[in-house]
């Protein structure tokens, strides 16, 4: 498991089999996001403090290249069909002049820069529609980018303040966790709201297990993780973690949730038992 340790300028690497820390990938200033494509054996990072993305070969963690993108890169999405990385940039100052940089991974060049209507947050790639969905904090909406034409084709209104975490399941439903204390489930195609569920606070990271039909939402304040049944669209349980614990990782092999706790300086591991 690869974890962006923003304050330490590094990616921390965890062995999920032994549940132990292995080592770090250093010299990644302000690293905000990490994205892996297993089929192409690639690992991407958004190095926010130096307006850069880094590309590694995941299997041996060899650095393949680094290149400049827009100011303060944050969320990432990867289009494997076209081998294009999307870096969603917060702008300078953050929140102004936000953009999406489109990177050709083969040549490590920026091929296009798209203006965004507001501050971008989480992003996901949709292989069935060759589209990229990205949450925009304000206005509260999801921007849809056509991967083939490399342009924004539409937006989806989110009926909750400040969309943050985002997931797309194999049934074409967007799970949007918004700072307005709501998990909003939307139809990918129509943009219609399927259901809106309450959260215990402002969320950040979301993770999904399609086998168990579970969606996990990390909420840093008061410090909880809520799990939802994605078949019946209802809350299953909420567990206390630690104040400020807003980053989680999911191990699908062992069905374990890693919650990264800033106060105690470690990771709490929870096993899903059905």
Protein backbone atom coordinates (compact mmCIF):
# COMPACT_ATOMS: atom_id res chain seq x y z
CA UNK A 1 0.00 0.00 0.00
CA UNK A 2 1.30 3.45 -0.95
CA UNK A 3 0.37 6.40 1.27
CA UNK A 4 0.99 10.06 0.49
CA UNK A 5 2.68 11.58 3.56
CA UNK A 6 2.19 15.22 2.62
CA UNK A 7 3.91 16.83 5.59
CA UNK A 8 7.00 14.64 5.23
CA UNK A 9 7.37 15.02 1.42
CA UNK A 10 7.32 11.28 0.80
CA UNK A 11 5.30 8.19 -0.06
CA UNK A 12 5.24 5.59 2.71
CA UNK A 13 5.13 1.95 1.59
CA UNK A 14 3.34 -0.68 3.70
CA UNK A 15 3.45 -4.47 3.34
CA UNK A 16 -0.17 -5.59 3.73
CA UNK A 17 0.82 -9.23 4.23
CA UNK A 18 2.88 -8.53 7.33
CA UNK A 19 1.13 -5.24 8.15
CA UNK A 20 4.44 -3.51 8.55
CA UNK A 21 6.19 -0.40 7.26
CA UNK A 22 8.72 -1.17 4.50
CA UNK A 23 10.32 2.08 3.34
CA UNK A 24 9.58 5.44 1.77
CA UNK A 25 9.86 7.09 -1.63
CA UNK A 26 11.49 10.42 -0.72
CA UNK A 27 11.94 13.85 -2.32
CA UNK A 28 8.30 14.42 -3.31
CA UNK A 29 7.63 17.97 -2.03
CA UNK A 30 4.14 18.34 -0.57
CA UNK A 31 2.97 15.09 -2.18
CA UNK A 32 -0.81 15.23 -2.10
CA UNK A 33 -1.98 12.22 -4.08
CA UNK A 34 -0.86 8.80 -5.22
CA UNK A 35 -2.48 6.73 -7.98
CA UNK A 36 -1.61 3.23 -9.20
CA UNK A 37 -2.51 1.48 -12.45
CA UNK A 38 -1.71 -2.21 -11.99
CA UNK A 39 -2.21 -3.22 -15.62
CA UNK A 40 0.38 -0.70 -16.83
CA UNK A 41 2.60 -1.11 -13.75
CA UNK A 42 2.58 2.62 -13.06
CA UNK A 43 2.56 4.73 -9.91
CA UNK A 44 1.82 8.45 -10.12
CA UNK A 45 2.21 11.19 -7.51
CA UNK A 46 1.05 14.79 -7.41
CA UNK A 47 3.86 16.83 -5.86
CA UNK A 48 1.87 19.86 -4.77
CA UNK A 49 4.68 22.01 -3.37
CA UNK A 50 6.64 22.08 -6.65
CA UNK A 51 3.85 21.98 -9.28
CA UNK A 52 4.96 18.59 -10.56
CA UNK A 53 3.85 15.03 -11.15
CA UNK A 54 6.18 12.04 -10.77
CA UNK A 55 5.85 8.74 -12.65
CA UNK A 56 7.28 5.48 -11.25
CA UNK A 57 7.32 1.90 -12.46
CA UNK A 58 5.35 0.38 -9.61
CA UNK A 59 6.89 -3.12 -9.52
CA UNK A 60 10.40 -1.92 -8.68
CA UNK A 61 9.56 1.70 -7.74
CA UNK A 62 11.98 3.09 -10.32
CA UNK A 63 11.42 6.75 -11.14
CA UNK A 64 10.57 7.01 -14.85
CA UNK A 65 10.22 10.76 -15.02
CA UNK A 66 8.91 14.01 -13.58
CA UNK A 67 7.32 16.99 -15.27
CA UNK A 68 5.82 20.35 -14.44
CA UNK A 69 2.05 20.77 -14.41
CA UNK A 70 -0.26 23.53 -13.14
CA UNK A 71 0.17 25.11 -9.68
CA UNK A 72 -0.56 22.94 -6.63
CA UNK A 73 -1.52 19.60 -8.28
CA UNK A 74 -3.93 17.64 -6.14
CA UNK A 75 -6.24 14.90 -7.48
CA UNK A 76 -5.16 12.45 -10.19
CA UNK A 77 -6.94 10.25 -12.74
CA UNK A 78 -5.48 7.94 -15.39
CA UNK A 79 -6.91 7.03 -18.79
CA UNK A 80 -5.18 3.72 -19.65
CA UNK A 81 -6.72 3.49 -23.12
CA UNK A 82 -4.89 6.65 -24.20
CA UNK A 83 -2.12 6.48 -21.58
CA UNK A 84 -3.01 9.91 -20.34
CA UNK A 85 -2.66 11.18 -16.79
CA UNK A 86 -4.95 13.96 -15.58
CA UNK A 87 -3.54 16.24 -12.90
CA UNK A 88 -6.12 18.48 -11.25
CA UNK A 89 -4.43 21.65 -10.07
CA UNK A 90 -5.59 24.04 -7.35
CA UNK A 91 -4.18 27.16 -9.04
CA UNK A 92 -2.23 30.11 -7.61
CA UNK A 93 -3.29 31.22 -5.11
CA UNK A 94 -5.13 27.94 -4.37
CA UNK A 95 -8.71 28.21 -5.58
CA UNK A 96 -7.98 30.70 -8.37
CA UNK A 97 -7.14 29.75 -11.94
CA UNK A 98 -7.75 26.05 -11.33
CA UNK A 99 -6.85 23.75 -14.22
CA UNK A 100 -6.53 20.15 -15.36
CA UNK A 101 -3.20 19.22 -16.98
CA UNK A 102 -3.37 16.32 -19.44
CA UNK A 103 -0.09 14.39 -19.54
CA UNK A 104 1.01 11.95 -22.25
CA UNK A 105 2.67 9.23 -20.17
CA UNK A 106 4.63 7.82 -23.13
CA UNK A 107 6.39 11.11 -23.91
CA UNK A 108 6.03 12.73 -20.47
CA UNK A 109 4.65 15.93 -21.96
CA UNK A 110 1.65 18.07 -21.14
CA UNK A 111 -0.61 17.95 -24.20
CA UNK A 112 -3.46 20.15 -22.96
CA UNK A 113 -4.52 22.41 -20.11
CA UNK A 114 -8.22 22.73 -19.33
CA UNK A 115 -9.66 25.56 -17.19
CA UNK A 116 -11.89 24.38 -14.35
CA UNK A 117 -14.85 26.26 -12.81
CA UNK A 118 -13.51 25.92 -9.26
CA UNK A 119 -11.21 24.10 -6.87
CA UNK A 120 -10.86 20.41 -7.84
CA UNK A 121 -10.84 17.59 -5.34
CA UNK A 122 -11.17 13.83 -5.95
CA UNK A 123 -11.32 12.49 -9.51
CA UNK A 124 -12.14 9.11 -11.09
CA UNK A 125 -11.81 7.61 -14.57
CA UNK A 126 -14.76 5.82 -16.20
CA UNK A 127 -13.55 3.18 -18.68
CA UNK A 128 -17.02 2.43 -20.06
CA UNK A 129 -17.61 6.01 -21.15
CA UNK A 130 -14.01 7.14 -21.68
CA UNK A 131 -14.73 9.97 -19.28
CA UNK A 132 -13.16 11.56 -16.24
CA UNK A 133 -15.27 12.81 -13.35
CA UNK A 134 -13.87 15.37 -10.91
CA UNK A 135 -15.45 16.95 -7.84
CA UNK A 136 -15.46 20.75 -7.74
CA UNK A 137 -15.62 22.32 -4.29
CA UNK A 138 -17.46 25.49 -5.35
CA UNK A 139 -19.73 25.54 -7.24
CA UNK A 140 -20.86 22.18 -5.85
CA UNK A 141 -20.71 20.04 -8.96
CA UNK A 142 -18.95 17.22 -10.77
CA UNK A 143 -17.20 18.14 -14.00
CA UNK A 144 -17.24 15.52 -16.76
CA UNK A 145 -14.31 15.46 -19.22
CA UNK A 146 -14.49 13.58 -22.53
CA UNK A 147 -11.24 11.59 -22.70
CA UNK A 148 -11.22 11.34 -26.48
CA UNK A 149 -11.93 14.99 -27.20
CA UNK A 150 -10.06 16.28 -24.13
CA UNK A 151 -12.70 18.80 -23.18
CA UNK A 152 -15.39 19.37 -20.58
CA UNK A 153 -18.72 18.20 -21.97
CA UNK A 154 -21.08 18.67 -19.03
CA UNK A 155 -21.43 19.16 -15.28
CA UNK A 156 -23.49 17.32 -12.68
CA UNK A 157 -25.00 19.39 -9.86
CA UNK A 158 -24.36 18.04 -6.34
CA UNK A 159 -27.10 18.94 -3.82
CA UNK A 160 -24.67 19.22 -0.90
CA UNK A 161 -21.97 21.75 -0.08
CA UNK A 162 -18.35 21.27 -1.16
CA UNK A 163 -18.03 17.82 -2.82
CA UNK A 164 -14.88 16.05 -1.64
CA UNK A 165 -14.35 12.26 -1.89
CA UNK A 166 -15.59 10.49 -5.04
CA UNK A 167 -16.02 6.88 -6.20
CA UNK A 168 -17.58 5.31 -9.29
CA UNK A 169 -18.87 1.75 -9.02
CA UNK A 170 -19.40 -0.81 -11.78
CA UNK A 171 -23.13 -0.02 -11.89
CA UNK A 172 -22.48 3.54 -13.02
CA UNK A 173 -23.23 5.21 -9.70
CA UNK A 174 -21.15 8.10 -8.41
CA UNK A 175 -20.68 8.15 -4.63
CA UNK A 176 -19.89 11.76 -3.73
CA UNK A 177 -18.95 12.52 -0.12
CA UNK A 178 -19.52 16.23 0.51
CA UNK A 179 -18.37 18.54 3.31
CA UNK A 180 -22.03 19.39 3.83
CA UNK A 181 -22.26 16.18 5.91
CA UNK A 182 -23.81 14.13 3.12
CA UNK A 183 -23.03 11.13 0.95
CA UNK A 184 -24.79 11.75 -2.35
CA UNK A 185 -25.35 8.87 -4.78
CA UNK A 186 -25.81 10.03 -8.38
CA UNK A 187 -26.45 8.36 -11.70
CA UNK A 188 -23.39 8.72 -13.93
CA UNK A 189 -25.37 9.16 -17.15
CA UNK A 190 -28.35 11.29 -16.17
CA UNK A 191 -26.79 13.08 -13.21
CA UNK A 192 -29.93 12.35 -11.21
CA UNK A 193 -29.78 11.89 -7.45
CA UNK A 194 -30.42 8.28 -6.47
CA UNK A 195 -30.11 8.78 -2.72
CA UNK A 196 -28.64 11.14 -0.16
CA UNK A 197 -27.33 9.78 3.15
CA UNK A 198 -26.22 11.75 6.23
CA UNK A 199 -22.60 11.77 7.42
CA UNK A 200 -21.22 12.48 10.91
CA UNK A 201 -19.05 15.36 9.70
CA UNK A 202 -17.03 16.68 6.76
CA UNK A 203 -15.53 13.70 4.86
CA UNK A 204 -12.33 13.19 2.93
CA UNK A 205 -11.17 9.84 1.55
CA UNK A 206 -13.64 7.20 0.32
CA UNK A 207 -12.84 3.56 -0.49
CA UNK A 208 -15.05 0.84 -2.00
CA UNK A 209 -14.99 -2.95 -1.90
CA UNK A 210 -17.15 -4.29 -4.77
CA UNK A 211 -17.07 -7.86 -3.41
CA UNK A 212 -18.48 -6.92 -0.01
CA UNK A 213 -20.58 -4.04 -1.40
CA UNK A 214 -19.12 -1.69 1.18
CA UNK A 215 -18.18 1.96 0.87
CA UNK A 216 -15.97 3.48 3.57
CA UNK A 217 -15.93 7.21 4.29
CA UNK A 218 -13.23 8.80 6.47
CA UNK A 219 -14.30 11.78 8.58
CA UNK A 220 -11.45 13.60 10.33
CA UNK A 221 -13.62 15.49 12.80
CA UNK A 222 -14.75 14.02 15.13
CA UNK A 223 -12.57 11.13 13.90
CA UNK A 224 -14.73 8.30 12.60
CA UNK A 225 -15.11 5.99 9.62
CA UNK A 226 -18.60 5.18 8.36
CA UNK A 227 -19.35 2.14 6.22
CA UNK A 228 -22.30 1.92 3.84
CA UNK A 229 -24.01 -0.99 2.11
CA UNK A 230 -23.85 -0.10 -1.60
CA UNK A 231 -26.48 -2.69 -2.51
CA UNK A 232 -29.21 -1.28 -0.27
CA UNK A 233 -27.73 2.23 0.11
CA UNK A 234 -27.79 2.41 3.87
CA UNK A 235 -25.31 2.93 6.68
CA UNK A 236 -23.94 -0.25 8.22
CA UNK A 237 -21.88 1.12 11.09
CA UNK A 238 -19.64 3.95 12.24
CA UNK A 239 -16.48 3.35 14.26
CA UNK A 240 -14.40 5.82 16.25
CA UNK A 241 -10.84 6.27 15.00
CA UNK A 242 -8.87 9.37 16.02
CA UNK A 243 -9.35 13.12 15.60
CA UNK A 244 -7.76 14.23 12.34
CA UNK A 245 -7.76 10.72 10.84
CA UNK A 246 -9.11 11.57 7.38
CA UNK A 247 -6.96 9.24 5.24
CA UNK A 248 -7.76 5.56 4.73
CA UNK A 249 -6.56 2.72 2.51
CA UNK A 250 -8.32 -0.51 1.59
CA UNK A 251 -6.68 -3.94 1.23
CA UNK A 252 -9.14 -5.94 -0.95
CA UNK A 253 -7.25 -9.21 -0.47
CA UNK A 254 -7.70 -9.40 3.29
CA UNK A 255 -10.68 -7.03 3.43
CA UNK A 256 -8.85 -4.72 5.81
CA UNK A 257 -9.20 -0.98 6.26
CA UNK A 258 -6.10 1.03 7.16
CA UNK A 259 -6.84 4.27 9.01
CA UNK A 260 -3.90 6.66 9.26
CA UNK A 261 -3.82 8.39 12.62
CA UNK A 262 -1.81 11.64 12.84
CA UNK A 263 -1.87 11.97 16.63
CA UNK A 264 -0.61 8.47 17.41
CA UNK A 265 1.64 8.45 14.34
CA UNK A 266 0.62 5.08 12.95
CA UNK A 267 -2.07 3.14 11.13
CA UNK A 268 -4.99 1.35 12.77
CA UNK A 269 -6.07 -1.76 10.86
CA UNK A 270 -9.68 -2.93 10.90
CA UNK A 271 -10.80 -6.25 9.46
CA UNK A 272 -14.20 -6.56 7.81
CA UNK A 273 -15.99 -9.65 9.09
CA UNK A 274 -19.24 -10.77 7.54
